[in-house]
Amino acid sequence: MNSTAEALATWLGDLRQARFGLRDTTGATLDCLKIVADPAGGYLGVNHTMKDGVFHLRLTHSTDFLTWRYLTTLDTHASQGELLPLPDGTFVLAYEHDEPNSTFVRVRRYSSRENLVRGKFAMETTLGRTLAPTAEGTPSIERVTKEALYLRFHYYRNGDVDRAAKGTLRADSWKTEIDNGLNAAVEAYNVRGNIGGRTRFSLGGKIWYLQEGQLGKNDWASWRLFLLDSACRKAVPVPLQTPGSSVSFANPFVGVFGQTVIVTAFMPSEGSGRGEAGEMLCIKSLKEAPK
């Protein structure tokens, strides 16, 4: 890593103009919001919210990144979703599905935007756990080709802590591997709790990852963010700044939409400044990004 990465980490971490505690037009929380451009105009968001002790994965729409109109519930007992629109007008959705004492990754495909908004999927694949007997989840979509879907996710290592992994889904197989390089890069900063969600984005002609890491096991106030380049061999801590001096940040997302960069993160009540718990969203100008 070089000074460019450190400058980018500092820029991404400046959240002094952020909005906190985001909710959609129904009043539901927008936890772990991830955003894509809507082919029909505006932006589509996927997030989860808790209702009666159950996670609901929801689809919303916005024209300004600030007001999110509820469209549909995509699944229940479901969270940590990521949506990808494809050039042919179809959509891929990856998310974490939970059952009693068990979580796993599920993938759905939608044949059109209309069917996505209706919650009508054309295909569903539940991915068998290969690295941990009870829990694999928080998937993110790396890329999609005609032959395969490439994902990152976390697995519950030794029934103790989450660690990073990646996998390739083909028509007849699901092959996975532990991401030892990424895990080591984040662990170098005394991360002894979970290594979970991450986001992939392109800025300055390079691919970057913003990765969450928990300093202490079961310590919700100790979630931190780390920036890695595409090699994922060295991490840079992100120095985060908010008006209330919050210290705990998880489930990050970075999206580049024209000249606008959106940063979101979930902020646990533990470690959050006054009025800053819940989902955070910050709008940045690409013109101000480090070169």
C-alpha atoms as a PDB file:
ATOM      1  CA  MET A   1       0.000   0.000   0.000  1.00  0.00           C
ATOM      2  CA  ASN A   2       1.144   3.538  -0.675  1.00  0.00           C
ATOM      3  CA  SER A   3       0.186   7.083   0.182  1.00  0.00           C
ATOM      4  CA  THR A   4      -2.647   6.922  -2.385  1.00  0.00           C
ATOM      5  CA  ALA A   5      -4.385   4.213  -0.362  1.00  0.00           C
ATOM      6  CA  GLU A   6      -3.890   6.126   2.872  1.00  0.00           C
ATOM      7  CA  ALA A   7      -5.261   9.315   1.301  1.00  0.00           C
ATOM      8  CA  LEU A   8      -8.267   7.427  -0.064  1.00  0.00           C
ATOM      9  CA  ALA A   9      -8.913   5.822   3.322  1.00  0.00           C
ATOM     10  CA  THR A  10      -8.859   9.240   4.997  1.00  0.00           C
ATOM     11  CA  TRP A  11     -11.216  10.698   2.384  1.00  0.00           C
ATOM     12  CA  LEU A  12     -13.683   7.824   2.654  1.00  0.00           C
ATOM     13  CA  GLY A  13     -13.578   8.059   6.438  1.00  0.00           C
ATOM     14  CA  ASP A  14     -14.576  11.719   6.562  1.00  0.00           C
ATOM     15  CA  LEU A  15     -18.264  11.316   7.418  1.00  0.00           C
ATOM     16  CA  ARG A  16     -18.846  14.682   9.025  1.00  0.00           C
ATOM     17  CA  GLN A  17     -21.577  15.486   6.470  1.00  0.00           C
ATOM     18  CA  ALA A  18     -23.311  12.109   6.729  1.00  0.00           C
ATOM     19  CA  ARG A  19     -26.942  11.326   7.504  1.00  0.00           C
ATOM     20  CA  PHE A  20     -27.639   8.864  10.328  1.00  0.00           C
ATOM     21  CA  GLY A  21     -30.417   6.480  11.348  1.00  0.00           C
ATOM     22  CA  LEU A  22     -31.802   6.110   7.808  1.00  0.00           C
ATOM     23  CA  ARG A  23     -35.347   4.824   7.320  1.00  0.00           C
ATOM     24  CA  ASP A  24     -37.525   4.230   4.271  1.00  0.00           C
ATOM     25  CA  THR A  25     -40.913   5.805   3.554  1.00  0.00           C
ATOM     26  CA  THR A  26     -42.692   3.201   5.683  1.00  0.00           C
ATOM     27  CA  GLY A  27     -40.533   4.048   8.692  1.00  0.00           C
ATOM     28  CA  ALA A  28     -38.561   0.791   8.520  1.00  0.00           C
ATOM     29  CA  THR A  29     -34.818   0.902   9.116  1.00  0.00           C
ATOM     30  CA  LEU A  30     -32.509   0.727   6.097  1.00  0.00           C
ATOM     31  CA  ASP A  31     -29.938  -1.525   7.721  1.00  0.00           C
ATOM     32  CA  CYS A  32     -26.945  -2.526   5.578  1.00  0.00           C
ATOM     33  CA  LEU A  33     -28.167  -0.584   2.537  1.00  0.00           C
ATOM     34  CA  LYS A  34     -26.475  -1.359  -0.786  1.00  0.00           C
ATOM     35  CA  ILE A  35     -27.292   0.651  -3.894  1.00  0.00           C
ATOM     36  CA  VAL A  36     -27.240   0.157  -7.671  1.00  0.00           C
ATOM     37  CA  ALA A  37     -28.327   2.360 -10.560  1.00  0.00           C
ATOM     38  CA  ASP A  38     -31.884   1.594 -11.613  1.00  0.00           C
ATOM     39  CA  PRO A  39     -32.121   0.958 -15.384  1.00  0.00           C
ATOM     40  CA  ALA A  40     -35.522   2.688 -15.239  1.00  0.00           C
ATOM     41  CA  GLY A  41     -34.021   5.791 -13.596  1.00  0.00           C
ATOM     42  CA  GLY A  42     -32.877   6.675 -10.120  1.00  0.00           C
ATOM     43  CA  TYR A  43     -31.449   4.063  -7.779  1.00  0.00           C
ATOM     44  CA  LEU A  44     -32.462   0.737  -6.289  1.00  0.00           C
ATOM     45  CA  GLY A  45     -31.523  -0.159  -2.736  1.00  0.00           C
ATOM     46  CA  VAL A  46     -31.449  -3.531  -0.999  1.00  0.00           C
ATOM     47  CA  ASN A  47     -31.447  -3.608   2.791  1.00  0.00           C
ATOM     48  CA  HIS A  48     -32.839  -5.558   5.695  1.00  0.00           C
ATOM     49  CA  THR A  49     -34.936  -4.590   8.673  1.00  0.00           C
ATOM     50  CA  MET A  50     -35.980  -6.480  11.797  1.00  0.00           C
ATOM     51  CA  LYS A  51     -39.695  -7.076  12.398  1.00  0.00           C
ATOM     52  CA  ASP A  52     -41.062  -9.339  15.138  1.00  0.00           C
ATOM     53  CA  GLY A  53     -37.632 -10.866  15.592  1.00  0.00           C
ATOM     54  CA  VAL A  54     -37.255 -11.762  11.899  1.00  0.00           C
ATOM     55  CA  PHE A  55     -35.032 -10.168   9.272  1.00  0.00           C
ATOM     56  CA  HIS A  56     -36.867  -8.955   6.150  1.00  0.00           C
ATOM     57  CA  LEU A  57     -34.887  -8.272   2.964  1.00  0.00           C
ATOM     58  CA  ARG A  58     -36.459  -5.278   1.185  1.00  0.00           C
ATOM     59  CA  LEU A  59     -36.181  -3.427  -2.111  1.00  0.00           C
ATOM     60  CA  THR A  60     -36.435   0.377  -2.196  1.00  0.00           C
ATOM     61  CA  HIS A  61     -36.080   3.168  -4.759  1.00  0.00           C
ATOM     62  CA  SER A  62     -34.624   6.670  -4.568  1.00  0.00           C
ATOM     63  CA  THR A  63     -33.972   9.592  -6.878  1.00  0.00           C
ATOM     64  CA  ASP A  64     -31.666  11.512  -4.526  1.00  0.00           C
ATOM     65  CA  PHE A  65     -30.059   8.879  -2.220  1.00  0.00           C
ATOM     66  CA  LEU A  66     -31.844  10.424   0.771  1.00  0.00           C
ATOM     67  CA  THR A  67     -35.507   9.450   0.419  1.00  0.00           C
ATOM     68  CA  TRP A  68     -36.046   5.718  -0.090  1.00  0.00           C
ATOM     69  CA  ARG A  69     -39.478   4.507  -1.194  1.00  0.00           C
ATOM     70  CA  TYR A  70     -40.376   0.946  -0.254  1.00  0.00           C
ATOM     71  CA  LEU A  71     -41.122  -1.301  -3.255  1.00  0.00           C
ATOM     72  CA  THR A  72     -41.342  -4.888  -2.041  1.00  0.00           C
ATOM     73  CA  THR A  73     -40.092  -7.501   0.416  1.00  0.00           C
ATOM     74  CA  LEU A  74     -37.792  -9.881  -1.423  1.00  0.00           C
ATOM     75  CA  ASP A  75     -37.592 -12.565   1.279  1.00  0.00           C
ATOM     76  CA  THR A  76     -37.992 -13.124   5.018  1.00  0.00           C
ATOM     77  CA  HIS A  77     -35.460 -14.669   7.373  1.00  0.00           C
ATOM     78  CA  ALA A  78     -33.128 -12.886   4.971  1.00  0.00           C
ATOM     79  CA  SER A  79     -30.493 -10.178   5.309  1.00  0.00           C
ATOM     80  CA  GLN A  80     -27.184  -8.818   3.986  1.00  0.00           C
ATOM     81  CA  GLY A  81     -28.349  -8.594   0.373  1.00  0.00           C
ATOM     82  CA  GLU A  82     -26.525  -7.355  -2.702  1.00  0.00           C
ATOM     83  CA  LEU A  83     -28.174  -6.759  -6.081  1.00  0.00           C
ATOM     84  CA  LEU A  84     -26.531  -6.579  -9.504  1.00  0.00           C
ATOM     85  CA  PRO A  85     -28.312  -5.483 -12.702  1.00  0.00           C
ATOM     86  CA  LEU A  86     -26.927  -7.188 -15.810  1.00  0.00           C
ATOM     87  CA  PRO A  87     -26.654  -5.734 -19.339  1.00  0.00           C
ATOM     88  CA  ASP A  88     -29.408  -8.035 -20.644  1.00  0.00           C
ATOM     89  CA  GLY A  89     -31.979  -6.514 -18.273  1.00  0.00           C
ATOM     90  CA  THR A  90     -31.891  -9.344 -15.724  1.00  0.00           C
ATOM     91  CA  PHE A  91     -30.835  -9.089 -12.069  1.00  0.00           C
ATOM     92  CA  VAL A  92     -28.799 -11.247  -9.702  1.00  0.00           C
ATOM     93  CA  LEU A  93     -29.427 -11.088  -5.948  1.00  0.00           C
ATOM     94  CA  ALA A  94     -27.183 -12.704  -3.328  1.00  0.00           C
ATOM     95  CA  TYR A  95     -28.050 -12.666   0.368  1.00  0.00           C
ATOM     96  CA  GLU A  96     -27.864 -14.456   3.695  1.00  0.00           C
ATOM     97  CA  HIS A  97     -30.778 -16.685   4.649  1.00  0.00           C
ATOM     98  CA  ASP A  98     -31.276 -17.856   8.202  1.00  0.00           C
ATOM     99  CA  GLU A  99     -32.881 -20.880   9.807  1.00  0.00           C
ATOM    100  CA  PRO A 100     -32.772 -21.899  13.488  1.00  0.00           C
ATOM    101  CA  ASN A 101     -29.085 -22.116  14.468  1.00  0.00           C
ATOM    102  CA  SER A 102     -28.032 -21.934  10.832  1.00  0.00           C
ATOM    103  CA  THR A 103     -27.270 -19.431   8.058  1.00  0.00           C
ATOM    104  CA  PHE A 104     -26.308 -19.906   4.424  1.00  0.00           C
ATOM    105  CA  VAL A 105     -25.950 -18.004   1.158  1.00  0.00           C
ATOM    106  CA  ARG A 106     -28.812 -17.896  -1.326  1.00  0.00           C
ATOM    107  CA  VAL A 107     -28.766 -16.603  -4.910  1.00  0.00           C
ATOM    108  CA  ARG A 108     -31.752 -15.543  -6.973  1.00  0.00           C
ATOM    109  CA  ARG A 109     -32.102 -14.406 -10.563  1.00  0.00           C
ATOM    110  CA  TYR A 110     -34.859 -12.125 -11.850  1.00  0.00           C
ATOM    111  CA  SER A 111     -35.773 -11.993 -15.534  1.00  0.00           C
ATOM    112  CA  SER A 112     -36.709  -8.281 -15.545  1.00  0.00           C
ATOM    113  CA  ARG A 113     -37.035  -5.174 -13.415  1.00  0.00           C
ATOM    114  CA  GLU A 114     -40.800  -5.671 -13.366  1.00  0.00           C
ATOM    115  CA  ASN A 115     -40.420  -9.134 -11.881  1.00  0.00           C
ATOM    116  CA  LEU A 116     -37.832  -7.883  -9.403  1.00  0.00           C
ATOM    117  CA  VAL A 117     -40.274  -5.263  -8.105  1.00  0.00           C
ATOM    118  CA  ARG A 118     -42.962  -7.959  -7.931  1.00  0.00           C
ATOM    119  CA  GLY A 119     -40.575 -10.174  -5.992  1.00  0.00           C
ATOM    120  CA  LYS A 120     -40.963 -12.900  -8.625  1.00  0.00           C
ATOM    121  CA  PHE A 121     -37.673 -14.697  -9.184  1.00  0.00           C
ATOM    122  CA  ALA A 122     -36.909 -16.947 -12.147  1.00  0.00           C
ATOM    123  CA  MET A 123     -34.345 -19.123 -10.380  1.00  0.00           C
ATOM    124  CA  GLU A 124     -33.176 -19.735  -6.828  1.00  0.00           C
ATOM    125  CA  THR A 125     -30.033 -21.533  -5.664  1.00  0.00           C
ATOM    126  CA  THR A 126     -29.266 -22.273  -2.029  1.00  0.00           C
ATOM    127  CA  LEU A 127     -25.522 -22.755  -1.650  1.00  0.00           C
ATOM    128  CA  GLY A 128     -24.428 -25.640   0.501  1.00  0.00           C
ATOM    129  CA  ARG A 129     -21.972 -24.797   3.255  1.00  0.00           C
ATOM    130  CA  THR A 130     -18.491 -26.103   2.480  1.00  0.00           C
ATOM    131  CA  LEU A 131     -16.211 -24.329   4.988  1.00  0.00           C
ATOM    132  CA  ALA A 132     -18.301 -24.226   8.172  1.00  0.00           C
ATOM    133  CA  PRO A 133     -21.004 -26.588   9.422  1.00  0.00           C
ATOM    134  CA  THR A 134     -23.437 -23.967  10.737  1.00  0.00           C
ATOM    135  CA  ALA A 135     -22.893 -20.528   9.192  1.00  0.00           C
ATOM    136  CA  GLU A 136     -21.780 -18.944   5.946  1.00  0.00           C
ATOM    137  CA  GLY A 137     -23.140 -15.580   4.862  1.00  0.00           C
ATOM    138  CA  THR A 138     -22.877 -11.871   3.997  1.00  0.00           C
ATOM    139  CA  PRO A 139     -22.205 -12.479   0.299  1.00  0.00           C
ATOM    140  CA  SER A 140     -20.987  -9.851  -2.147  1.00  0.00           C
ATOM    141  CA  ILE A 141     -20.949 -10.205  -5.920  1.00  0.00           C
ATOM    142  CA  GLU A 142     -17.521 -10.001  -7.538  1.00  0.00           C
ATOM    143  CA  ARG A 143     -18.569 -10.466 -11.148  1.00  0.00           C
ATOM    144  CA  VAL A 144     -20.871 -12.424 -13.421  1.00  0.00           C
ATOM    145  CA  THR A 145     -20.008 -14.171 -16.676  1.00  0.00           C
ATOM    146  CA  LYS A 146     -22.036 -16.435 -18.941  1.00  0.00           C
ATOM    147  CA  GLU A 147     -20.444 -19.426 -17.231  1.00  0.00           C
ATOM    148  CA  ALA A 148     -20.185 -18.435 -13.583  1.00  0.00           C
ATOM    149  CA  LEU A 149     -21.055 -16.190 -10.655  1.00  0.00           C
ATOM    150  CA  TYR A 150     -18.130 -15.141  -8.462  1.00  0.00           C
ATOM    151  CA  LEU A 151     -18.872 -14.324  -4.823  1.00  0.00           C
ATOM    152  CA  ARG A 152     -17.141 -13.329  -1.624  1.00  0.00           C
ATOM    153  CA  PHE A 153     -18.625 -14.290   1.740  1.00  0.00           C
ATOM    154  CA  HIS A 154     -17.660 -15.146   5.302  1.00  0.00           C
ATOM    155  CA  TYR A 155     -17.644 -18.478   7.086  1.00  0.00           C
ATOM    156  CA  TYR A 156     -17.864 -19.241  10.814  1.00  0.00           C
ATOM    157  CA  ARG A 157     -14.378 -20.602  11.406  1.00  0.00           C
ATOM    158  CA  ASN A 158     -14.253 -23.376  14.003  1.00  0.00           C
ATOM    159  CA  GLY A 159     -17.584 -22.163  15.401  1.00  0.00           C
ATOM    160  CA  ASP A 160     -15.721 -19.208  16.842  1.00  0.00           C
ATOM    161  CA  VAL A 161     -15.282 -16.191  14.526  1.00  0.00           C
ATOM    162  CA  ASP A 162     -16.146 -15.204  10.953  1.00  0.00           C
ATOM    163  CA  ARG A 163     -13.382 -15.178   8.354  1.00  0.00           C
ATOM    164  CA  ALA A 164     -13.252 -14.247   4.663  1.00  0.00           C
ATOM    165  CA  ALA A 165     -13.753 -16.685   1.806  1.00  0.00           C
ATOM    166  CA  LYS A 166     -14.677 -16.652  -1.868  1.00  0.00           C
ATOM    167  CA  GLY A 167     -16.469 -19.002  -4.226  1.00  0.00           C
ATOM    168  CA  THR A 168     -17.439 -19.712  -7.815  1.00  0.00           C
ATOM    169  CA  LEU A 169     -20.943 -20.856  -8.715  1.00  0.00           C
ATOM    170  CA  ARG A 170     -21.386 -22.680 -12.016  1.00  0.00           C
ATOM    171  CA  ALA A 171     -24.361 -24.543 -13.400  1.00  0.00           C
ATOM    172  CA  ASP A 172     -23.135 -27.811 -11.919  1.00  0.00           C
ATOM    173  CA  SER A 173     -20.856 -26.812  -9.045  1.00  0.00           C
ATOM    174  CA  TRP A 174     -20.132 -24.490  -6.108  1.00  0.00           C
ATOM    175  CA  LYS A 175     -16.418 -24.319  -5.295  1.00  0.00           C
ATOM    176  CA  THR A 176     -15.020 -22.273  -2.406  1.00  0.00           C
ATOM    177  CA  GLU A 177     -11.722 -21.323  -0.835  1.00  0.00           C
ATOM    178  CA  ILE A 178     -10.564 -19.451   2.242  1.00  0.00           C
ATOM    179  CA  ASP A 179      -9.101 -16.001   1.502  1.00  0.00           C
ATOM    180  CA  ASN A 180      -5.982 -16.383   3.605  1.00  0.00           C
ATOM    181  CA  GLY A 181      -4.363 -13.232   2.217  1.00  0.00           C
ATOM    182  CA  LEU A 182      -7.241 -10.946   3.124  1.00  0.00           C
ATOM    183  CA  ASN A 183      -7.663 -12.538   6.532  1.00  0.00           C
ATOM    184  CA  ALA A 184      -3.969 -12.093   7.338  1.00  0.00           C
ATOM    185  CA  ALA A 185      -3.959  -8.488   6.115  1.00  0.00           C
ATOM    186  CA  VAL A 186      -6.814  -7.524   8.451  1.00  0.00           C
ATOM    187  CA  GLU A 187      -5.618  -9.659  11.359  1.00  0.00           C
ATOM    188  CA  ALA A 188      -2.342  -7.707  11.240  1.00  0.00           C
ATOM    189  CA  TYR A 189      -4.248  -4.877  12.983  1.00  0.00           C
ATOM    190  CA  ASN A 190      -5.085  -6.986  16.026  1.00  0.00           C
ATOM    191  CA  VAL A 191      -8.485  -8.026  14.684  1.00  0.00           C
ATOM    192  CA  ARG A 192      -9.480 -10.950  16.892  1.00  0.00           C
ATOM    193  CA  GLY A 193     -13.230 -10.860  16.425  1.00  0.00           C
ATOM    194  CA  ASN A 194     -15.125 -11.294  13.148  1.00  0.00           C
ATOM    195  CA  ILE A 195     -13.973 -10.470   9.622  1.00  0.00           C
ATOM    196  CA  GLY A 196     -17.285 -10.170   7.816  1.00  0.00           C
ATOM    197  CA  GLY A 197     -18.875  -7.890   5.229  1.00  0.00           C
ATOM    198  CA  ARG A 198     -17.044  -5.998   2.533  1.00  0.00           C
ATOM    199  CA  THR A 199     -17.697  -3.876  -0.551  1.00  0.00           C
ATOM    200  CA  ARG A 200     -15.886  -3.794  -3.885  1.00  0.00           C
ATOM    201  CA  PHE A 201     -15.628  -0.563  -5.859  1.00  0.00           C
ATOM    202  CA  SER A 202     -13.575   1.085  -8.588  1.00  0.00           C
ATOM    203  CA  LEU A 203     -11.960   4.488  -8.053  1.00  0.00           C
ATOM    204  CA  GLY A 204      -9.009   6.154  -9.752  1.00  0.00           C
ATOM    205  CA  GLY A 205      -8.743   3.322 -12.249  1.00  0.00           C
ATOM    206  CA  LYS A 206      -8.207   0.717  -9.500  1.00  0.00           C
ATOM    207  CA  ILE A 207     -10.290  -1.910  -7.743  1.00  0.00           C
ATOM    208  CA  TRP A 208     -10.585  -1.470  -3.984  1.00  0.00           C
ATOM    209  CA  TYR A 209     -12.237  -3.298  -1.093  1.00  0.00           C
ATOM    210  CA  LEU A 210     -13.601  -1.748   2.076  1.00  0.00           C
ATOM    211  CA  GLN A 211     -13.648  -4.519   4.682  1.00  0.00           C
ATOM    212  CA  GLU A 212     -15.094  -4.685   8.189  1.00  0.00           C
ATOM    213  CA  GLY A 213     -13.107  -6.191  11.041  1.00  0.00           C
ATOM    214  CA  GLN A 214     -13.948  -6.573  14.732  1.00  0.00           C
ATOM    215  CA  LEU A 215     -11.092  -5.970  17.145  1.00  0.00           C
ATOM    216  CA  GLY A 216     -12.608  -7.950  20.003  1.00  0.00           C
ATOM    217  CA  LYS A 217     -14.831 -11.009  19.834  1.00  0.00           C
ATOM    218  CA  ASN A 218     -18.458 -10.169  20.747  1.00  0.00           C
ATOM    219  CA  ASP A 219     -17.498  -6.494  21.200  1.00  0.00           C
ATOM    220  CA  TRP A 220     -19.918  -4.491  19.046  1.00  0.00           C
ATOM    221  CA  ALA A 221     -18.127  -1.245  19.843  1.00  0.00           C
ATOM    222  CA  SER A 222     -14.950  -2.547  18.210  1.00  0.00           C
ATOM    223  CA  TRP A 223     -16.002  -2.777  14.543  1.00  0.00           C
ATOM    224  CA  ARG A 224     -13.501  -0.988  12.308  1.00  0.00           C
ATOM    225  CA  LEU A 225     -13.058  -0.536   8.541  1.00  0.00           C
ATOM    226  CA  PHE A 226      -9.993  -1.377   6.452  1.00  0.00           C
ATOM    227  CA  LEU A 227      -9.112  -0.460   2.867  1.00  0.00           C
ATOM    228  CA  LEU A 228      -7.408  -3.014   0.611  1.00  0.00           C
ATOM    229  CA  ASP A 229      -6.413  -2.938  -3.045  1.00  0.00           C
ATOM    230  CA  SER A 230      -7.339  -5.694  -5.505  1.00  0.00           C
ATOM    231  CA  ALA A 231      -4.483  -7.940  -4.333  1.00  0.00           C
ATOM    232  CA  CYS A 232      -5.922  -7.976  -0.769  1.00  0.00           C
ATOM    233  CA  ARG A 233      -2.487  -8.560   0.750  1.00  0.00           C
ATOM    234  CA  LYS A 234      -2.142  -5.389   2.819  1.00  0.00           C
ATOM    235  CA  ALA A 235      -4.772  -3.339   4.623  1.00  0.00           C
ATOM    236  CA  VAL A 236      -4.948   0.316   5.620  1.00  0.00           C
ATOM    237  CA  PRO A 237      -7.138   1.294   8.595  1.00  0.00           C
ATOM    238  CA  VAL A 238      -9.805   3.861   7.722  1.00  0.00           C
ATOM    239  CA  PRO A 239      -9.714   6.834  10.135  1.00  0.00           C
ATOM    240  CA  LEU A 240     -13.408   7.585  10.585  1.00  0.00           C
ATOM    241  CA  GLN A 241     -14.801  10.981  11.575  1.00  0.00           C
ATOM    242  CA  THR A 242     -18.402  11.815  12.466  1.00  0.00           C
ATOM    243  CA  PRO A 243     -19.950  14.802  14.270  1.00  0.00           C
ATOM    244  CA  GLY A 244     -20.592  12.626  17.322  1.00  0.00           C
ATOM    245  CA  SER A 245     -17.166  10.938  17.300  1.00  0.00           C
ATOM    246  CA  SER A 246     -18.554   7.449  16.683  1.00  0.00           C
ATOM    247  CA  VAL A 247     -15.989   4.641  16.645  1.00  0.00           C
ATOM    248  CA  SER A 248     -17.849   1.497  15.503  1.00  0.00           C
ATOM    249  CA  PHE A 249     -18.659   0.915  11.805  1.00  0.00           C
ATOM    250  CA  ALA A 250     -19.758  -2.299  10.073  1.00  0.00           C
ATOM    251  CA  ASN A 251     -21.213  -3.613   6.788  1.00  0.00           C
ATOM    252  CA  PRO A 252     -19.695  -0.922   4.546  1.00  0.00           C
ATOM    253  CA  PHE A 253     -20.758  -0.007   1.027  1.00  0.00           C
ATOM    254  CA  VAL A 254     -19.111   2.314  -1.499  1.00  0.00           C
ATOM    255  CA  GLY A 255     -20.812   3.110  -4.805  1.00  0.00           C
ATOM    256  CA  VAL A 256     -19.701   5.416  -7.611  1.00  0.00           C
ATOM    257  CA  PHE A 257     -22.553   6.963  -9.610  1.00  0.00           C
ATOM    258  CA  GLY A 258     -21.246   9.442 -12.171  1.00  0.00           C
ATOM    259  CA  GLN A 259     -19.617  12.238 -10.179  1.00  0.00           C
ATOM    260  CA  THR A 260     -21.198  11.101  -6.920  1.00  0.00           C
ATOM    261  CA  VAL A 261     -19.690   8.663  -4.434  1.00  0.00           C
ATOM    262  CA  ILE A 262     -21.961   7.103  -1.816  1.00  0.00           C
ATOM    263  CA  VAL A 263     -20.612   5.606   1.403  1.00  0.00           C
ATOM    264  CA  THR A 264     -22.879   3.678   3.764  1.00  0.00           C
ATOM    265  CA  ALA A 265     -22.240   1.667   6.922  1.00  0.00           C
ATOM    266  CA  PHE A 266     -24.212   0.184   9.773  1.00  0.00           C
ATOM    267  CA  MET A 267     -23.337   1.746  13.113  1.00  0.00           C
ATOM    268  CA  PRO A 268     -24.087  -0.372  16.207  1.00  0.00           C
ATOM    269  CA  SER A 269     -25.505   1.485  19.196  1.00  0.00           C
ATOM    270  CA  GLU A 270     -22.388   0.395  21.093  1.00  0.00           C
ATOM    271  CA  GLY A 271     -19.641   2.779  20.037  1.00  0.00           C
ATOM    272  CA  SER A 272     -21.923   5.298  18.333  1.00  0.00           C
ATOM    273  CA  GLY A 273     -22.152   8.971  19.186  1.00  0.00           C
ATOM    274  CA  ARG A 274     -25.418  10.596  20.182  1.00  0.00           C
ATOM    275  CA  GLY A 275     -28.017  10.177  17.408  1.00  0.00           C
ATOM    276  CA  GLU A 276     -25.650   8.279  15.107  1.00  0.00           C
ATOM    277  CA  ALA A 277     -26.636   4.625  15.600  1.00  0.00           C
ATOM    278  CA  GLY A 278     -28.233   2.726  12.721  1.00  0.00           C
ATOM    279  CA  GLU A 279     -27.614   3.093   9.003  1.00  0.00           C
ATOM    280  CA  MET A 280     -25.321   5.918   7.911  1.00  0.00           C
ATOM    281  CA  LEU A 281     -25.126   7.425   4.407  1.00  0.00           C
ATOM    282  CA  CYS A 282     -22.659  10.024   3.173  1.00  0.00           C
ATOM    283  CA  ILE A 283     -22.733  11.720  -0.233  1.00  0.00           C
ATOM    284  CA  LYS A 284     -19.336  12.735  -1.616  1.00  0.00           C
ATOM    285  CA  SER A 285     -18.149  14.414  -4.801  1.00  0.00           C
ATOM    286  CA  LEU A 286     -15.848  12.388  -7.024  1.00  0.00           C
ATOM    287  CA  LYS A 287     -14.030  15.625  -7.886  1.00  0.00           C
ATOM    288  CA  GLU A 288     -12.779  15.760  -4.300  1.00  0.00           C
ATOM    289  CA  ALA A 289     -11.415  12.208  -4.247  1.00  0.00           C
ATOM    290  CA  PRO A 290      -7.633  11.778  -3.974  1.00  0.00           C
ATOM    291  CA  LYS A 291      -5.875  11.319  -7.284  1.00  0.00           C
END
